[in-house]
């Protein structure tokens, strides 16, 4: 009796689908990417994919960057969390130094609730901040969660470059702690890992067996 053949999920197709979603707002936009997003994009089409999506320029997600006088649309693609102080600082700097009328942010980590706001309220608050930094309530803003920290180096091989800080595994001291007591950077990485794998499993329609 022959053994059942093993079927491997086509992770490259799933990662490509996530990038299609992330680039829905790319046409006519200056696109800013962080390091993790660049690494993922490198294996799934690179600059050619951005050109096909219609971006007008590609820049680092950095305080040293901004849009030109004629640029009206911005797309920010982050492999990490948009809620960190560093991410918010860069967003404020870029938007404040530009003339954008529309800003879309793709965050690789789902927004979390705070003691003051629910997740939905936190999203609405961030979108309001984006409009404030652009200088007018007449501007448009959007924040969506799409995990883009995956790099599909082969059709059936996936690596998570932005999460390299978790490997080698957590040190013994960390392993005995409650997740709430871990250092902030490791808590963020763990949250990214869990949310990213959960969404990917749904995307691949994997089953326990």
C-alpha atoms as a PDB file:
ATOM      1  CA  UNK A   1       0.000   0.000   0.000  1.00  0.00           C
ATOM      2  CA  UNK A   2       1.509   3.321  -1.032  1.00  0.00           C
ATOM      3  CA  UNK A   3       1.910   6.091   1.513  1.00  0.00           C
ATOM      4  CA  UNK A   4      -0.186   9.239   1.015  1.00  0.00           C
ATOM      5  CA  UNK A   5       1.726  12.011  -0.708  1.00  0.00           C
ATOM      6  CA  UNK A   6       2.583  15.141   1.230  1.00  0.00           C
ATOM      7  CA  UNK A   7       1.096  18.364  -0.051  1.00  0.00           C
ATOM      8  CA  UNK A   8       2.875  21.624   0.643  1.00  0.00           C
ATOM      9  CA  UNK A   9       1.039  24.918   0.881  1.00  0.00           C
ATOM     10  CA  UNK A  10       2.018  27.515  -1.706  1.00  0.00           C
ATOM     11  CA  UNK A  11       3.052  30.249   0.685  1.00  0.00           C
ATOM     12  CA  UNK A  12       4.379  32.472  -2.087  1.00  0.00           C
ATOM     13  CA  UNK A  13       0.880  32.745  -3.539  1.00  0.00           C
ATOM     14  CA  UNK A  14      -0.498  33.729  -0.144  1.00  0.00           C
ATOM     15  CA  UNK A  15       2.208  36.325   0.478  1.00  0.00           C
ATOM     16  CA  UNK A  16       1.610  37.721  -3.001  1.00  0.00           C
ATOM     17  CA  UNK A  17      -2.090  38.045  -2.178  1.00  0.00           C
ATOM     18  CA  UNK A  18      -1.255  39.994   0.988  1.00  0.00           C
ATOM     19  CA  UNK A  19       0.881  42.383  -1.045  1.00  0.00           C
ATOM     20  CA  UNK A  20      -1.945  42.847  -3.553  1.00  0.00           C
ATOM     21  CA  UNK A  21      -4.101  44.021  -0.641  1.00  0.00           C
ATOM     22  CA  UNK A  22      -1.366  46.294   0.708  1.00  0.00           C
ATOM     23  CA  UNK A  23      -0.895  47.995  -2.663  1.00  0.00           C
ATOM     24  CA  UNK A  24      -4.559  48.772  -3.328  1.00  0.00           C
ATOM     25  CA  UNK A  25      -3.902  52.405  -2.413  1.00  0.00           C
ATOM     26  CA  UNK A  26      -0.550  52.599  -4.236  1.00  0.00           C
ATOM     27  CA  UNK A  27      -1.628  54.098  -7.560  1.00  0.00           C
ATOM     28  CA  UNK A  28      -0.408  57.687  -7.721  1.00  0.00           C
ATOM     29  CA  UNK A  29       1.118  57.554  -4.244  1.00  0.00           C
ATOM     30  CA  UNK A  30       4.573  58.136  -2.844  1.00  0.00           C
ATOM     31  CA  UNK A  31       5.299  54.896  -1.007  1.00  0.00           C
ATOM     32  CA  UNK A  32       7.360  54.695   2.183  1.00  0.00           C
ATOM     33  CA  UNK A  33       8.589  51.273   3.354  1.00  0.00           C
ATOM     34  CA  UNK A  34      10.402  50.132   6.481  1.00  0.00           C
ATOM     35  CA  UNK A  35      13.233  47.590   6.394  1.00  0.00           C
ATOM     36  CA  UNK A  36      11.059  44.525   7.025  1.00  0.00           C
ATOM     37  CA  UNK A  37       8.601  45.467   4.292  1.00  0.00           C
ATOM     38  CA  UNK A  38      11.486  45.990   1.855  1.00  0.00           C
ATOM     39  CA  UNK A  39      12.857  42.538   2.669  1.00  0.00           C
ATOM     40  CA  UNK A  40       9.492  40.889   2.063  1.00  0.00           C
ATOM     41  CA  UNK A  41       8.926  42.839  -1.157  1.00  0.00           C
ATOM     42  CA  UNK A  42      12.354  41.849  -2.443  1.00  0.00           C
ATOM     43  CA  UNK A  43      11.229  38.205  -2.743  1.00  0.00           C
ATOM     44  CA  UNK A  44       7.813  38.911  -4.220  1.00  0.00           C
ATOM     45  CA  UNK A  45       8.502  41.227  -7.142  1.00  0.00           C
ATOM     46  CA  UNK A  46      10.536  44.100  -5.764  1.00  0.00           C
ATOM     47  CA  UNK A  47      10.470  47.463  -7.485  1.00  0.00           C
ATOM     48  CA  UNK A  48       8.763  46.026 -10.569  1.00  0.00           C
ATOM     49  CA  UNK A  49       5.746  45.160  -8.444  1.00  0.00           C
ATOM     50  CA  UNK A  50       5.563  48.710  -7.104  1.00  0.00           C
ATOM     51  CA  UNK A  51       5.831  50.162 -10.616  1.00  0.00           C
ATOM     52  CA  UNK A  52       2.978  47.945 -11.817  1.00  0.00           C
ATOM     53  CA  UNK A  53       0.906  49.157  -8.866  1.00  0.00           C
ATOM     54  CA  UNK A  54       1.410  52.728 -10.055  1.00  0.00           C
ATOM     55  CA  UNK A  55       3.535  54.259  -7.289  1.00  0.00           C
ATOM     56  CA  UNK A  56       5.099  57.615  -8.156  1.00  0.00           C
ATOM     57  CA  UNK A  57       8.157  57.268  -5.901  1.00  0.00           C
ATOM     58  CA  UNK A  58       9.597  54.860  -3.314  1.00  0.00           C
ATOM     59  CA  UNK A  59      11.311  56.105  -0.148  1.00  0.00           C
ATOM     60  CA  UNK A  60      12.605  54.847   3.174  1.00  0.00           C
ATOM     61  CA  UNK A  61      10.299  55.159   6.157  1.00  0.00           C
ATOM     62  CA  UNK A  62      12.498  57.736   7.832  1.00  0.00           C
ATOM     63  CA  UNK A  63      12.350  61.189   9.417  1.00  0.00           C
ATOM     64  CA  UNK A  64      14.772  62.305   6.719  1.00  0.00           C
ATOM     65  CA  UNK A  65      12.223  61.710   3.950  1.00  0.00           C
ATOM     66  CA  UNK A  66       9.197  63.675   2.722  1.00  0.00           C
ATOM     67  CA  UNK A  67       7.001  64.094  -0.314  1.00  0.00           C
ATOM     68  CA  UNK A  68       7.580  66.665  -3.043  1.00  0.00           C
ATOM     69  CA  UNK A  69       5.523  69.814  -3.556  1.00  0.00           C
ATOM     70  CA  UNK A  70       3.379  68.119  -6.214  1.00  0.00           C
ATOM     71  CA  UNK A  71       2.805  64.852  -4.297  1.00  0.00           C
ATOM     72  CA  UNK A  72      -0.718  64.536  -2.886  1.00  0.00           C
ATOM     73  CA  UNK A  73      -0.970  60.840  -1.916  1.00  0.00           C
ATOM     74  CA  UNK A  74       1.119  58.831   0.524  1.00  0.00           C
ATOM     75  CA  UNK A  75       1.219  55.116   1.298  1.00  0.00           C
ATOM     76  CA  UNK A  76       3.147  53.846   4.323  1.00  0.00           C
ATOM     77  CA  UNK A  77       3.911  50.117   4.491  1.00  0.00           C
ATOM     78  CA  UNK A  78       5.264  48.904   7.832  1.00  0.00           C
ATOM     79  CA  UNK A  79       6.192  45.352   8.752  1.00  0.00           C
ATOM     80  CA  UNK A  80       6.038  46.318  12.435  1.00  0.00           C
ATOM     81  CA  UNK A  81       3.590  48.188  14.636  1.00  0.00           C
ATOM     82  CA  UNK A  82       2.345  51.658  13.789  1.00  0.00           C
ATOM     83  CA  UNK A  83       1.637  52.305  17.479  1.00  0.00           C
ATOM     84  CA  UNK A  84       5.251  52.492  18.622  1.00  0.00           C
ATOM     85  CA  UNK A  85       6.606  55.934  19.515  1.00  0.00           C
ATOM     86  CA  UNK A  86       9.257  55.666  16.798  1.00  0.00           C
ATOM     87  CA  UNK A  87       6.697  54.851  14.066  1.00  0.00           C
ATOM     88  CA  UNK A  88       4.424  57.701  15.129  1.00  0.00           C
ATOM     89  CA  UNK A  89       7.377  60.090  15.248  1.00  0.00           C
ATOM     90  CA  UNK A  90       8.376  59.228  11.669  1.00  0.00           C
ATOM     91  CA  UNK A  91       4.794  59.524  10.408  1.00  0.00           C
ATOM     92  CA  UNK A  92       4.422  62.929  12.027  1.00  0.00           C
ATOM     93  CA  UNK A  93       7.709  64.139  10.562  1.00  0.00           C
ATOM     94  CA  UNK A  94       6.975  62.980   7.005  1.00  0.00           C
ATOM     95  CA  UNK A  95       3.393  64.260   6.936  1.00  0.00           C
ATOM     96  CA  UNK A  96       4.343  67.554   8.541  1.00  0.00           C
ATOM     97  CA  UNK A  97       7.032  68.204   5.939  1.00  0.00           C
ATOM     98  CA  UNK A  98       4.866  67.221   2.956  1.00  0.00           C
ATOM     99  CA  UNK A  99       1.756  68.437   1.143  1.00  0.00           C
ATOM    100  CA  UNK A 100      -0.198  65.192   1.130  1.00  0.00           C
ATOM    101  CA  UNK A 101      -3.983  65.234   0.911  1.00  0.00           C
ATOM    102  CA  UNK A 102      -4.356  61.487   1.477  1.00  0.00           C
ATOM    103  CA  UNK A 103      -2.402  59.054   3.642  1.00  0.00           C
ATOM    104  CA  UNK A 104      -2.867  55.300   3.961  1.00  0.00           C
ATOM    105  CA  UNK A 105      -0.954  53.238   6.519  1.00  0.00           C
ATOM    106  CA  UNK A 106      -0.501  49.464   6.303  1.00  0.00           C
ATOM    107  CA  UNK A 107       0.648  48.120   9.660  1.00  0.00           C
ATOM    108  CA  UNK A 108       2.159  44.656  10.013  1.00  0.00           C
ATOM    109  CA  UNK A 109       0.912  44.344  13.587  1.00  0.00           C
ATOM    110  CA  UNK A 110      -2.761  44.718  14.533  1.00  0.00           C
ATOM    111  CA  UNK A 111      -3.552  47.746  16.625  1.00  0.00           C
ATOM    112  CA  UNK A 112      -4.208  47.008  20.279  1.00  0.00           C
ATOM    113  CA  UNK A 113      -6.539  48.604  22.778  1.00  0.00           C
ATOM    114  CA  UNK A 114      -5.284  51.022  25.405  1.00  0.00           C
ATOM    115  CA  UNK A 115      -6.685  51.874  28.861  1.00  0.00           C
ATOM    116  CA  UNK A 116      -8.375  54.876  27.244  1.00  0.00           C
ATOM    117  CA  UNK A 117      -9.600  53.411  23.924  1.00  0.00           C
ATOM    118  CA  UNK A 118     -10.864  50.215  22.318  1.00  0.00           C
ATOM    119  CA  UNK A 119      -9.189  48.911  19.158  1.00  0.00           C
ATOM    120  CA  UNK A 120     -11.806  50.599  16.956  1.00  0.00           C
ATOM    121  CA  UNK A 121     -11.376  53.860  18.859  1.00  0.00           C
ATOM    122  CA  UNK A 122      -7.600  53.561  18.589  1.00  0.00           C
ATOM    123  CA  UNK A 123      -7.844  53.201  14.796  1.00  0.00           C
ATOM    124  CA  UNK A 124     -10.168  56.219  14.583  1.00  0.00           C
ATOM    125  CA  UNK A 125      -7.815  58.207  16.838  1.00  0.00           C
ATOM    126  CA  UNK A 126      -4.791  57.380  14.683  1.00  0.00           C
ATOM    127  CA  UNK A 127      -6.625  58.310  11.504  1.00  0.00           C
ATOM    128  CA  UNK A 128      -7.544  61.628  13.107  1.00  0.00           C
ATOM    129  CA  UNK A 129      -3.887  62.165  14.042  1.00  0.00           C
ATOM    130  CA  UNK A 130      -2.841  61.537  10.440  1.00  0.00           C
ATOM    131  CA  UNK A 131      -5.256  64.207   9.216  1.00  0.00           C
ATOM    132  CA  UNK A 132      -4.024  66.615  11.885  1.00  0.00           C
ATOM    133  CA  UNK A 133      -0.405  66.069  10.836  1.00  0.00           C
ATOM    134  CA  UNK A 134      -1.385  66.696   7.205  1.00  0.00           C
ATOM    135  CA  UNK A 135      -2.811  70.030   8.370  1.00  0.00           C
ATOM    136  CA  UNK A 136      -6.509  69.725   7.528  1.00  0.00           C
ATOM    137  CA  UNK A 137      -9.620  67.753   8.435  1.00  0.00           C
ATOM    138  CA  UNK A 138     -10.429  67.772   4.722  1.00  0.00           C
ATOM    139  CA  UNK A 139      -7.604  65.292   4.069  1.00  0.00           C
ATOM    140  CA  UNK A 140      -8.199  61.541   3.886  1.00  0.00           C
ATOM    141  CA  UNK A 141      -6.604  58.907   6.102  1.00  0.00           C
ATOM    142  CA  UNK A 142      -6.792  55.143   6.374  1.00  0.00           C
ATOM    143  CA  UNK A 143      -5.155  52.530   8.618  1.00  0.00           C
ATOM    144  CA  UNK A 144      -5.301  48.799   7.839  1.00  0.00           C
ATOM    145  CA  UNK A 145      -3.621  45.708   9.257  1.00  0.00           C
ATOM    146  CA  UNK A 146      -1.878  43.376   6.803  1.00  0.00           C
ATOM    147  CA  UNK A 147       1.042  41.203   7.998  1.00  0.00           C
ATOM    148  CA  UNK A 148       3.893  41.805   5.564  1.00  0.00           C
ATOM    149  CA  UNK A 149       6.829  40.514   7.589  1.00  0.00           C
ATOM    150  CA  UNK A 150       6.930  37.278   5.608  1.00  0.00           C
ATOM    151  CA  UNK A 151       9.563  36.611   2.961  1.00  0.00           C
ATOM    152  CA  UNK A 152       8.663  33.847   0.531  1.00  0.00           C
ATOM    153  CA  UNK A 153      12.115  32.833  -0.701  1.00  0.00           C
ATOM    154  CA  UNK A 154      10.678  29.715  -2.408  1.00  0.00           C
ATOM    155  CA  UNK A 155       7.096  28.705  -3.265  1.00  0.00           C
ATOM    156  CA  UNK A 156       6.965  26.452  -0.193  1.00  0.00           C
ATOM    157  CA  UNK A 157       9.492  28.160   2.089  1.00  0.00           C
ATOM    158  CA  UNK A 158       8.725  31.108   4.322  1.00  0.00           C
ATOM    159  CA  UNK A 159      11.043  33.149   6.539  1.00  0.00           C
ATOM    160  CA  UNK A 160      10.151  35.895   8.991  1.00  0.00           C
ATOM    161  CA  UNK A 161      13.110  38.257   8.801  1.00  0.00           C
ATOM    162  CA  UNK A 162      11.642  41.060  10.984  1.00  0.00           C
ATOM    163  CA  UNK A 163      11.239  38.548  13.817  1.00  0.00           C
ATOM    164  CA  UNK A 164      14.884  37.502  13.942  1.00  0.00           C
ATOM    165  CA  UNK A 165      15.058  39.072  17.413  1.00  0.00           C
ATOM    166  CA  UNK A 166      13.096  36.066  18.739  1.00  0.00           C
ATOM    167  CA  UNK A 167      15.661  33.573  17.501  1.00  0.00           C
ATOM    168  CA  UNK A 168      17.617  31.927  19.040  1.00  0.00           C
ATOM    169  CA  UNK A 169      14.669  31.162  21.327  1.00  0.00           C
ATOM    170  CA  UNK A 170      13.856  33.266  24.333  1.00  0.00           C
ATOM    171  CA  UNK A 171      16.473  32.954  27.043  1.00  0.00           C
ATOM    172  CA  UNK A 172      15.630  30.790  30.056  1.00  0.00           C
ATOM    173  CA  UNK A 173      14.938  33.830  32.213  1.00  0.00           C
ATOM    174  CA  UNK A 174      12.333  35.046  29.734  1.00  0.00           C
ATOM    175  CA  UNK A 175      10.746  31.611  29.395  1.00  0.00           C
ATOM    176  CA  UNK A 176       9.756  31.572  33.065  1.00  0.00           C
ATOM    177  CA  UNK A 177       8.049  34.956  32.893  1.00  0.00           C
ATOM    178  CA  UNK A 178       4.461  35.813  32.146  1.00  0.00           C
ATOM    179  CA  UNK A 179       4.237  37.286  28.598  1.00  0.00           C
ATOM    180  CA  UNK A 180       3.120  40.542  30.194  1.00  0.00           C
ATOM    181  CA  UNK A 181       6.461  40.814  32.015  1.00  0.00           C
ATOM    182  CA  UNK A 182       8.659  40.435  28.942  1.00  0.00           C
ATOM    183  CA  UNK A 183      10.631  43.436  27.646  1.00  0.00           C
ATOM    184  CA  UNK A 184       8.474  45.659  25.388  1.00  0.00           C
ATOM    185  CA  UNK A 185      10.441  44.792  22.241  1.00  0.00           C
ATOM    186  CA  UNK A 186       9.945  41.050  22.784  1.00  0.00           C
ATOM    187  CA  UNK A 187       6.256  41.510  23.569  1.00  0.00           C
ATOM    188  CA  UNK A 188       5.861  43.319  20.255  1.00  0.00           C
ATOM    189  CA  UNK A 189       7.743  40.602  18.362  1.00  0.00           C
ATOM    190  CA  UNK A 190       5.652  37.846  19.967  1.00  0.00           C
ATOM    191  CA  UNK A 191       2.433  39.681  19.150  1.00  0.00           C
ATOM    192  CA  UNK A 192       3.614  40.078  15.559  1.00  0.00           C
ATOM    193  CA  UNK A 193       4.483  36.382  15.301  1.00  0.00           C
ATOM    194  CA  UNK A 194       1.146  35.193  16.673  1.00  0.00           C
ATOM    195  CA  UNK A 195      -1.024  37.549  14.623  1.00  0.00           C
ATOM    196  CA  UNK A 196       0.961  36.987  11.415  1.00  0.00           C
ATOM    197  CA  UNK A 197       0.871  33.188  11.652  1.00  0.00           C
ATOM    198  CA  UNK A 198      -2.829  33.230  12.541  1.00  0.00           C
ATOM    199  CA  UNK A 199      -3.725  35.272   9.480  1.00  0.00           C
ATOM    200  CA  UNK A 200      -1.437  33.216   7.242  1.00  0.00           C
ATOM    201  CA  UNK A 201      -3.037  29.955   8.432  1.00  0.00           C
ATOM    202  CA  UNK A 202      -6.446  31.381   7.546  1.00  0.00           C
ATOM    203  CA  UNK A 203      -5.141  32.569   4.164  1.00  0.00           C
ATOM    204  CA  UNK A 204      -3.759  29.090   3.397  1.00  0.00           C
ATOM    205  CA  UNK A 205      -6.936  27.403   4.664  1.00  0.00           C
ATOM    206  CA  UNK A 206      -4.848  24.960   6.684  1.00  0.00           C
ATOM    207  CA  UNK A 207      -6.462  22.298   8.847  1.00  0.00           C
ATOM    208  CA  UNK A 208      -5.219  20.503  11.957  1.00  0.00           C
ATOM    209  CA  UNK A 209      -4.794  17.214  10.149  1.00  0.00           C
END
